[in-house]
Amino acid sequence: LESDAIGVSLPCEYRKIVEARLAPLPANLRQHIFRAREVAMELARRHGLDEERVWLAISGHDIARVMPPNRLLAEARRLGLSIRPVEEALPLLLHGPVAAETLRRDGLDDGEVYDAVFWHSTAHQSLGPVGLAVFLADKLDPEKAYRYPYLAELKALALESLERATLEFLNTEIAALLLDGKLVHPASVEARNALLLRLKPLS
């Protein structure tokens, strides 16, 4: 299957791998994935991204979201993933890493897709445009407006710049977590700092 954006061929079976993992998910979770996928593909077309990689990553990003916390921890350990203290305390943060590694072991072996799925909850300083589009699309599900009241403004910014929209989201959410005395994933802080330095060089 050839990417519309940059002509990179990916194996046709990659979609089948993702679809097999989607099929048993609860209806409400599949509906979130489908809504996020619509946003992700809009962002991909706007920014000229590899549409096939975006499709695969956003479709697979939440395949481990239904696992309870204790199972996420156990599965992360079984898969040999590194677990940070913040993830021990908040195992839900492991659903991206578990999903990424599960898809890789199923046979979906693509670095950009892997990273986009792995870091879709927290972002990461190394994410490229595909990963940023997936990160933002997950948040831009219209049904999440109750959680992110600035969602319309964030989407407008995302259509202009994936990096600036990600920085704006991280600034807002990290500030809210700090205000509430909650944990912040180190990857989010590092991603925010990297974007800030790239977009607004400090004097």
C-alpha atoms as a PDB file:
ATOM      1  CA  LEU A   1       0.000   0.000   0.000  1.00  0.00           C
ATOM      2  CA  GLU A   2       1.508   3.299  -1.074  1.00  0.00           C
ATOM      3  CA  SER A   3       1.370   6.471   0.948  1.00  0.00           C
ATOM      4  CA  ASP A   4      -0.407   9.345  -0.800  1.00  0.00           C
ATOM      5  CA  ALA A   5       1.890  11.903   0.776  1.00  0.00           C
ATOM      6  CA  ILE A   6       5.432  10.838   0.093  1.00  0.00           C
ATOM      7  CA  GLY A   7       5.171   7.618  -1.890  1.00  0.00           C
ATOM      8  CA  VAL A   8       6.575   5.288   0.772  1.00  0.00           C
ATOM      9  CA  SER A   9       5.150   1.798   0.460  1.00  0.00           C
ATOM     10  CA  LEU A  10       3.943   0.003   3.579  1.00  0.00           C
ATOM     11  CA  PRO A  11       2.796  -3.633   3.657  1.00  0.00           C
ATOM     12  CA  CYS A  12      -0.923  -4.097   3.040  1.00  0.00           C
ATOM     13  CA  GLU A  13      -1.196  -6.393   6.057  1.00  0.00           C
ATOM     14  CA  TYR A  14      -0.454  -3.508   8.428  1.00  0.00           C
ATOM     15  CA  ARG A  15      -4.071  -2.359   8.211  1.00  0.00           C
ATOM     16  CA  LYS A  16      -5.279  -5.894   8.874  1.00  0.00           C
ATOM     17  CA  ILE A  17      -3.106  -6.068  11.990  1.00  0.00           C
ATOM     18  CA  VAL A  18      -4.634  -2.874  13.371  1.00  0.00           C
ATOM     19  CA  GLU A  19      -8.181  -3.788  12.400  1.00  0.00           C
ATOM     20  CA  ALA A  20      -7.864  -7.145  14.163  1.00  0.00           C
ATOM     21  CA  ARG A  21      -6.988  -5.310  17.379  1.00  0.00           C
ATOM     22  CA  LEU A  22      -9.814  -2.799  16.911  1.00  0.00           C
ATOM     23  CA  ALA A  23     -12.561  -5.358  16.384  1.00  0.00           C
ATOM     24  CA  PRO A  24     -12.912  -6.580  20.019  1.00  0.00           C
ATOM     25  CA  LEU A  25     -12.790  -3.117  21.609  1.00  0.00           C
ATOM     26  CA  PRO A  26     -15.908  -1.689  23.275  1.00  0.00           C
ATOM     27  CA  ALA A  27     -18.115   0.378  20.974  1.00  0.00           C
ATOM     28  CA  ASN A  28     -17.512   3.650  22.831  1.00  0.00           C
ATOM     29  CA  LEU A  29     -13.754   3.277  22.537  1.00  0.00           C
ATOM     30  CA  ARG A  30     -13.956   2.418  18.848  1.00  0.00           C
ATOM     31  CA  GLN A  31     -16.115   5.501  18.323  1.00  0.00           C
ATOM     32  CA  HIS A  32     -13.456   7.684  19.986  1.00  0.00           C
ATOM     33  CA  ILE A  33     -10.819   6.153  17.713  1.00  0.00           C
ATOM     34  CA  PHE A  34     -12.941   6.795  14.617  1.00  0.00           C
ATOM     35  CA  ARG A  35     -13.588  10.432  15.623  1.00  0.00           C
ATOM     36  CA  ALA A  36      -9.900  10.985  16.346  1.00  0.00           C
ATOM     37  CA  ARG A  37      -9.050   9.363  13.020  1.00  0.00           C
ATOM     38  CA  GLU A  38     -11.192  11.883  11.157  1.00  0.00           C
ATOM     39  CA  VAL A  39      -9.263  14.712  12.813  1.00  0.00           C
ATOM     40  CA  ALA A  40      -5.913  13.003  12.233  1.00  0.00           C
ATOM     41  CA  MET A  41      -6.567  12.547   8.525  1.00  0.00           C
ATOM     42  CA  GLU A  42      -7.646  16.177   8.230  1.00  0.00           C
ATOM     43  CA  LEU A  43      -4.361  17.223   9.840  1.00  0.00           C
ATOM     44  CA  ALA A  44      -2.417  14.819   7.614  1.00  0.00           C
ATOM     45  CA  ARG A  45      -3.939  16.270   4.456  1.00  0.00           C
ATOM     46  CA  ARG A  46      -3.466  19.846   5.626  1.00  0.00           C
ATOM     47  CA  HIS A  47       0.211  19.332   6.437  1.00  0.00           C
ATOM     48  CA  GLY A  48       1.096  16.909   3.637  1.00  0.00           C
ATOM     49  CA  LEU A  49       1.929  14.021   5.947  1.00  0.00           C
ATOM     50  CA  ASP A  50       2.216  10.319   5.185  1.00  0.00           C
ATOM     51  CA  GLU A  51      -1.482   9.508   5.392  1.00  0.00           C
ATOM     52  CA  GLU A  52      -1.012   5.759   5.720  1.00  0.00           C
ATOM     53  CA  ARG A  53       1.264   6.091   8.746  1.00  0.00           C
ATOM     54  CA  VAL A  54      -1.124   8.586  10.350  1.00  0.00           C
ATOM     55  CA  TRP A  55      -4.056   6.218   9.693  1.00  0.00           C
ATOM     56  CA  LEU A  56      -2.232   3.246  11.217  1.00  0.00           C
ATOM     57  CA  ALA A  57      -1.043   5.139  14.292  1.00  0.00           C
ATOM     58  CA  ILE A  58      -4.305   6.878  15.174  1.00  0.00           C
ATOM     59  CA  SER A  59      -6.273   3.678  14.525  1.00  0.00           C
ATOM     60  CA  GLY A  60      -4.004   1.712  16.862  1.00  0.00           C
ATOM     61  CA  HIS A  61      -3.313   4.294  19.538  1.00  0.00           C
ATOM     62  CA  ASP A  62      -5.903   3.114  22.079  1.00  0.00           C
ATOM     63  CA  ILE A  63      -5.985  -0.657  21.587  1.00  0.00           C
ATOM     64  CA  ALA A  64      -4.724  -1.134  25.176  1.00  0.00           C
ATOM     65  CA  ARG A  65      -6.913   1.579  26.698  1.00  0.00           C
ATOM     66  CA  VAL A  66      -9.427  -0.900  28.137  1.00  0.00           C
ATOM     67  CA  MET A  67      -6.848  -2.702  30.270  1.00  0.00           C
ATOM     68  CA  PRO A  68      -7.199  -2.007  34.017  1.00  0.00           C
ATOM     69  CA  PRO A  69      -4.178  -0.443  35.758  1.00  0.00           C
ATOM     70  CA  ASN A  70      -2.827  -3.656  37.270  1.00  0.00           C
ATOM     71  CA  ARG A  71      -3.010  -5.438  33.938  1.00  0.00           C
ATOM     72  CA  LEU A  72      -1.269  -2.547  32.142  1.00  0.00           C
ATOM     73  CA  LEU A  73       1.602  -2.771  34.601  1.00  0.00           C
ATOM     74  CA  ALA A  74       1.813  -6.535  34.247  1.00  0.00           C
ATOM     75  CA  GLU A  75       1.652  -6.370  30.459  1.00  0.00           C
ATOM     76  CA  ALA A  76       4.306  -3.640  30.297  1.00  0.00           C
ATOM     77  CA  ARG A  77       6.609  -5.813  32.380  1.00  0.00           C
ATOM     78  CA  ARG A  78       5.856  -8.877  30.268  1.00  0.00           C
ATOM     79  CA  LEU A  79       6.704  -6.932  27.125  1.00  0.00           C
ATOM     80  CA  GLY A  80       9.974  -5.749  28.641  1.00  0.00           C
ATOM     81  CA  LEU A  81       9.074  -2.061  28.606  1.00  0.00           C
ATOM     82  CA  SER A  82      10.885   0.396  30.838  1.00  0.00           C
ATOM     83  CA  ILE A  83       8.500   1.711  33.514  1.00  0.00           C
ATOM     84  CA  ARG A  84       9.103   5.099  35.099  1.00  0.00           C
ATOM     85  CA  PRO A  85       8.007   5.952  38.650  1.00  0.00           C
ATOM     86  CA  VAL A  86       5.255   8.231  37.332  1.00  0.00           C
ATOM     87  CA  GLU A  87       3.918   5.292  35.304  1.00  0.00           C
ATOM     88  CA  GLU A  88       4.023   3.016  38.341  1.00  0.00           C
ATOM     89  CA  ALA A  89       1.845   5.585  40.103  1.00  0.00           C
ATOM     90  CA  LEU A  90      -0.378   6.218  37.057  1.00  0.00           C
ATOM     91  CA  PRO A  91      -0.440   2.989  35.023  1.00  0.00           C
ATOM     92  CA  LEU A  92      -2.929   4.433  32.532  1.00  0.00           C
ATOM     93  CA  LEU A  93       0.065   6.250  31.030  1.00  0.00           C
ATOM     94  CA  LEU A  94       1.328   2.852  29.889  1.00  0.00           C
ATOM     95  CA  HIS A  95      -1.517   2.178  27.467  1.00  0.00           C
ATOM     96  CA  GLY A  96       0.367   3.874  24.615  1.00  0.00           C
ATOM     97  CA  PRO A  97       3.634   1.990  25.158  1.00  0.00           C
ATOM     98  CA  VAL A  98       1.778  -1.309  25.575  1.00  0.00           C
ATOM     99  CA  ALA A  99      -0.227  -0.663  22.392  1.00  0.00           C
ATOM    100  CA  ALA A 100       2.882   0.235  20.396  1.00  0.00           C
ATOM    101  CA  GLU A 101       4.805  -2.844  21.494  1.00  0.00           C
ATOM    102  CA  THR A 102       1.780  -5.092  20.966  1.00  0.00           C
ATOM    103  CA  LEU A 103       1.392  -3.884  17.373  1.00  0.00           C
ATOM    104  CA  ARG A 104       5.116  -4.307  16.742  1.00  0.00           C
ATOM    105  CA  ARG A 105       4.983  -7.896  17.963  1.00  0.00           C
ATOM    106  CA  ASP A 106       1.908  -8.474  15.814  1.00  0.00           C
ATOM    107  CA  GLY A 107       4.082  -7.549  12.819  1.00  0.00           C
ATOM    108  CA  LEU A 108       3.511  -3.817  12.361  1.00  0.00           C
ATOM    109  CA  ASP A 109       7.165  -2.865  12.267  1.00  0.00           C
ATOM    110  CA  ASP A 110       7.429   0.844  11.440  1.00  0.00           C
ATOM    111  CA  GLY A 111       9.331   3.322  13.588  1.00  0.00           C
ATOM    112  CA  GLU A 112       7.133   6.365  12.959  1.00  0.00           C
ATOM    113  CA  VAL A 113       3.941   4.467  13.716  1.00  0.00           C
ATOM    114  CA  TYR A 114       5.515   2.897  16.790  1.00  0.00           C
ATOM    115  CA  ASP A 115       6.614   6.244  18.224  1.00  0.00           C
ATOM    116  CA  ALA A 116       3.290   7.927  17.443  1.00  0.00           C
ATOM    117  CA  VAL A 117       1.344   5.225  19.282  1.00  0.00           C
ATOM    118  CA  PHE A 118       3.875   4.950  22.120  1.00  0.00           C
ATOM    119  CA  TRP A 119       3.890   8.679  22.951  1.00  0.00           C
ATOM    120  CA  HIS A 120       0.327   9.688  22.046  1.00  0.00           C
ATOM    121  CA  SER A 121      -0.611  10.423  25.684  1.00  0.00           C
ATOM    122  CA  THR A 122       2.422  12.417  26.771  1.00  0.00           C
ATOM    123  CA  ALA A 123       4.175  13.603  23.604  1.00  0.00           C
ATOM    124  CA  HIS A 124       7.939  13.292  23.323  1.00  0.00           C
ATOM    125  CA  GLN A 125      10.742  15.585  22.246  1.00  0.00           C
ATOM    126  CA  SER A 126      11.658  13.266  19.354  1.00  0.00           C
ATOM    127  CA  LEU A 127       8.193  13.104  17.761  1.00  0.00           C
ATOM    128  CA  GLY A 128       7.993  14.105  14.128  1.00  0.00           C
ATOM    129  CA  PRO A 129       4.940  15.443  12.274  1.00  0.00           C
ATOM    130  CA  VAL A 130       3.155  12.070  12.168  1.00  0.00           C
ATOM    131  CA  GLY A 131       3.508  11.660  15.925  1.00  0.00           C
ATOM    132  CA  LEU A 132       2.425  15.241  16.610  1.00  0.00           C
ATOM    133  CA  ALA A 133      -0.657  14.830  14.413  1.00  0.00           C
ATOM    134  CA  VAL A 134      -1.655  11.679  16.293  1.00  0.00           C
ATOM    135  CA  PHE A 135      -0.984  13.291  19.677  1.00  0.00           C
ATOM    136  CA  LEU A 136      -3.196  16.246  18.803  1.00  0.00           C
ATOM    137  CA  ALA A 137      -5.939  14.257  17.068  1.00  0.00           C
ATOM    138  CA  ASP A 138      -6.421  12.144  20.194  1.00  0.00           C
ATOM    139  CA  LYS A 139      -7.097  15.331  22.163  1.00  0.00           C
ATOM    140  CA  LEU A 140      -9.188  16.915  19.390  1.00  0.00           C
ATOM    141  CA  ASP A 141     -11.939  14.292  19.479  1.00  0.00           C
ATOM    142  CA  PRO A 142     -14.994  16.606  19.559  1.00  0.00           C
ATOM    143  CA  GLU A 143     -16.404  14.591  22.463  1.00  0.00           C
ATOM    144  CA  LYS A 144     -13.479  15.784  24.622  1.00  0.00           C
ATOM    145  CA  ALA A 145     -14.641  19.404  24.605  1.00  0.00           C
ATOM    146  CA  TYR A 146     -15.851  18.962  28.191  1.00  0.00           C
ATOM    147  CA  ARG A 147     -12.277  18.167  29.203  1.00  0.00           C
ATOM    148  CA  TYR A 148     -10.531  20.704  26.987  1.00  0.00           C
ATOM    149  CA  PRO A 149     -12.764  23.788  26.738  1.00  0.00           C
ATOM    150  CA  TYR A 150     -10.224  25.423  24.416  1.00  0.00           C
ATOM    151  CA  LEU A 151     -10.571  22.593  21.895  1.00  0.00           C
ATOM    152  CA  ALA A 152     -11.843  24.753  19.002  1.00  0.00           C
ATOM    153  CA  GLU A 153      -8.926  27.159  19.341  1.00  0.00           C
ATOM    154  CA  LEU A 154      -6.490  24.238  19.604  1.00  0.00           C
ATOM    155  CA  LYS A 155      -7.795  22.697  16.389  1.00  0.00           C
ATOM    156  CA  ALA A 156      -7.511  25.984  14.521  1.00  0.00           C
ATOM    157  CA  LEU A 157      -3.910  26.269  15.694  1.00  0.00           C
ATOM    158  CA  ALA A 158      -3.206  22.627  14.788  1.00  0.00           C
ATOM    159  CA  LEU A 159      -4.347  23.282  11.225  1.00  0.00           C
ATOM    160  CA  GLU A 160      -1.751  26.067  11.068  1.00  0.00           C
ATOM    161  CA  SER A 161       1.135  24.423  12.954  1.00  0.00           C
ATOM    162  CA  LEU A 162       1.393  21.027  14.612  1.00  0.00           C
ATOM    163  CA  GLU A 163       4.355  22.159  16.696  1.00  0.00           C
ATOM    164  CA  ARG A 164       2.720  25.350  17.988  1.00  0.00           C
ATOM    165  CA  ALA A 165      -0.508  23.525  18.786  1.00  0.00           C
ATOM    166  CA  THR A 166       1.371  20.822  20.696  1.00  0.00           C
ATOM    167  CA  LEU A 167       3.307  23.465  22.635  1.00  0.00           C
ATOM    168  CA  GLU A 168       0.092  25.297  23.496  1.00  0.00           C
ATOM    169  CA  PHE A 169      -1.569  22.097  24.691  1.00  0.00           C
ATOM    170  CA  LEU A 170       1.425  21.073  26.795  1.00  0.00           C
ATOM    171  CA  ASN A 171       1.746  24.543  28.319  1.00  0.00           C
ATOM    172  CA  THR A 172      -1.926  24.545  29.307  1.00  0.00           C
ATOM    173  CA  GLU A 173      -2.130  20.994  30.613  1.00  0.00           C
ATOM    174  CA  ILE A 174       1.189  20.980  32.471  1.00  0.00           C
ATOM    175  CA  ALA A 175       0.200  24.231  34.189  1.00  0.00           C
ATOM    176  CA  ALA A 176      -3.146  22.697  35.216  1.00  0.00           C
ATOM    177  CA  LEU A 177      -1.479  19.572  36.587  1.00  0.00           C
ATOM    178  CA  LEU A 178       1.011  21.620  38.582  1.00  0.00           C
ATOM    179  CA  LEU A 179      -1.754  23.819  39.952  1.00  0.00           C
ATOM    180  CA  ASP A 180      -3.612  20.712  41.127  1.00  0.00           C
ATOM    181  CA  GLY A 181      -0.457  19.228  42.660  1.00  0.00           C
ATOM    182  CA  LYS A 182      -0.523  16.262  40.275  1.00  0.00           C
ATOM    183  CA  LEU A 183       2.281  14.297  38.670  1.00  0.00           C
ATOM    184  CA  VAL A 184       3.624  15.354  35.271  1.00  0.00           C
ATOM    185  CA  HIS A 185       5.235  12.812  32.964  1.00  0.00           C
ATOM    186  CA  PRO A 186       8.883  13.756  32.287  1.00  0.00           C
ATOM    187  CA  ALA A 187       8.381  13.177  28.561  1.00  0.00           C
ATOM    188  CA  SER A 188       5.757  15.932  28.483  1.00  0.00           C
ATOM    189  CA  VAL A 189       8.111  18.385  30.159  1.00  0.00           C
ATOM    190  CA  GLU A 190      10.945  17.457  27.815  1.00  0.00           C
ATOM    191  CA  ALA A 191       8.682  17.764  24.772  1.00  0.00           C
ATOM    192  CA  ARG A 192       7.444  21.149  25.924  1.00  0.00           C
ATOM    193  CA  ASN A 193      10.968  22.430  26.497  1.00  0.00           C
ATOM    194  CA  ALA A 194      12.183  21.142  23.123  1.00  0.00           C
ATOM    195  CA  LEU A 195       9.293  22.800  21.307  1.00  0.00           C
ATOM    196  CA  LEU A 196       9.755  26.043  23.221  1.00  0.00           C
ATOM    197  CA  LEU A 197      13.443  26.170  22.320  1.00  0.00           C
ATOM    198  CA  ARG A 198      12.685  25.380  18.693  1.00  0.00           C
ATOM    199  CA  LEU A 199       9.834  27.836  18.280  1.00  0.00           C
ATOM    200  CA  LYS A 200      10.777  30.600  20.716  1.00  0.00           C
ATOM    201  CA  PRO A 201      14.571  30.625  21.128  1.00  0.00           C
ATOM    202  CA  LEU A 202      15.513  31.990  24.536  1.00  0.00           C
ATOM    203  CA  SER A 203      17.849  34.972  24.632  1.00  0.00           C
END
